[in-house]
Amino acid sequence: MKRLLHRINAIWLALLAATALTTWLGDHGGPRGLGTGAAVVVMALSAGKGCLIVLDYMELRHAPALWRRLLLGWLAAVVLLVLAATLWPR
């Protein structure tokens, strides 16, 4: 039990750090800021955070493979669609 709490706390800290980095990139990634690179990094961080939430907080790490594939596939589809919409030439 103690090991599980340590893992959850470490994941929580990782989620906080990723959120702080995402916020910083959002503040500095304006039209003349970090631009496309910031969008790619933010979406990668979002995907990583989503995976941690699905696998650990929703406890699907040890669930049937179908559930993991469905939720992680949905997450990947959403992230790729948002990224494609962001990078689409105007």
Protein backbone atom coordinates (compact mmCIF):
# COMPACT_ATOMS: atom_id res chain seq x y z
CA MET A 1 0.00 0.00 0.00
CA LYS A 2 2.83 2.39 0.87
CA ARG A 3 4.44 1.81 -2.54
CA LEU A 4 1.14 2.58 -4.31
CA LEU A 5 0.79 5.87 -2.42
CA HIS A 6 4.38 6.77 -3.34
CA ARG A 7 3.63 6.09 -7.04
CA ILE A 8 0.42 8.12 -6.99
CA ASN A 9 2.21 11.02 -5.28
CA ALA A 10 5.01 10.92 -7.86
CA ILE A 11 2.47 10.93 -10.68
CA TRP A 12 0.62 13.82 -9.05
CA LEU A 13 3.86 15.82 -8.89
CA ALA A 14 4.58 15.00 -12.55
CA LEU A 15 1.09 16.19 -13.50
CA LEU A 16 1.64 19.42 -11.57
CA ALA A 17 4.99 20.02 -13.27
CA ALA A 18 3.52 19.32 -16.71
CA THR A 19 0.65 21.71 -15.97
CA ALA A 20 3.07 24.42 -14.87
CA LEU A 21 5.13 23.96 -18.04
CA THR A 22 1.99 24.04 -20.18
CA THR A 23 0.89 27.27 -18.49
CA TRP A 24 4.30 28.85 -19.00
CA LEU A 25 4.32 27.86 -22.68
CA GLY A 26 0.82 29.27 -23.08
CA ASP A 27 1.89 32.58 -21.61
CA HIS A 28 5.00 32.81 -23.78
CA GLY A 29 3.76 31.11 -26.93
CA GLY A 30 1.83 34.04 -28.39
CA PRO A 31 1.91 35.16 -32.02
CA ARG A 32 5.56 36.22 -31.74
CA GLY A 33 6.50 33.83 -28.96
CA LEU A 34 7.35 30.17 -29.19
CA GLY A 35 4.74 29.43 -31.89
CA THR A 36 4.38 26.02 -33.49
CA GLY A 37 7.00 24.37 -31.32
CA ALA A 38 5.07 25.40 -28.22
CA ALA A 39 1.87 23.90 -29.65
CA VAL A 40 3.59 20.58 -30.31
CA VAL A 41 5.12 20.50 -26.81
CA VAL A 42 1.80 21.43 -25.18
CA MET A 43 -0.01 18.67 -27.05
CA ALA A 44 2.72 16.15 -26.16
CA LEU A 45 2.41 17.14 -22.50
CA SER A 46 -1.38 16.82 -22.75
CA ALA A 47 -1.05 13.35 -24.21
CA GLY A 48 1.36 12.30 -21.48
CA LYS A 49 -0.89 13.71 -18.77
CA GLY A 50 -3.88 11.95 -20.29
CA CYS A 51 -2.03 8.63 -20.33
CA LEU A 52 -1.09 8.99 -16.67
CA ILE A 53 -4.66 9.84 -15.73
CA VAL A 54 -6.17 6.98 -17.74
CA LEU A 55 -3.68 4.35 -16.59
CA ASP A 56 -3.17 5.31 -12.96
CA TYR A 57 -5.99 7.51 -11.66
CA MET A 58 -8.68 5.63 -13.56
CA GLU A 59 -6.78 2.41 -12.66
CA LEU A 60 -6.85 0.98 -16.17
CA ARG A 61 -3.22 -0.16 -16.06
CA HIS A 62 -4.38 -3.64 -14.99
CA ALA A 63 -7.79 -3.56 -16.69
CA PRO A 64 -8.65 -5.62 -19.76
CA ALA A 65 -6.64 -4.56 -22.81
CA LEU A 66 -9.78 -3.54 -24.71
CA TRP A 67 -10.57 -0.76 -22.21
CA ARG A 68 -7.02 0.56 -22.25
CA ARG A 69 -6.95 0.54 -26.06
CA LEU A 70 -10.29 2.30 -26.32
CA LEU A 71 -9.44 5.11 -23.94
CA LEU A 72 -5.85 5.59 -25.07
CA GLY A 73 -6.94 5.40 -28.72
CA TRP A 74 -9.58 8.06 -28.09
CA LEU A 75 -6.97 10.21 -26.38
CA ALA A 76 -4.55 9.79 -29.29
CA ALA A 77 -7.27 10.65 -31.82
CA VAL A 78 -8.24 13.84 -29.98
CA VAL A 79 -4.64 14.97 -29.55
CA LEU A 80 -3.82 14.30 -33.21
CA LEU A 81 -6.95 16.12 -34.42
CA VAL A 82 -6.19 19.17 -32.28
CA LEU A 83 -2.57 19.15 -33.40
CA ALA A 84 -3.57 18.82 -37.06
CA ALA A 85 -6.04 21.69 -36.70
CA THR A 86 -3.34 23.80 -35.05
CA LEU A 87 -0.70 23.10 -37.69
CA TRP A 88 -3.04 23.23 -40.71
CA PRO A 89 -1.84 25.95 -43.11
CA ARG A 90 -4.10 28.99 -43.27
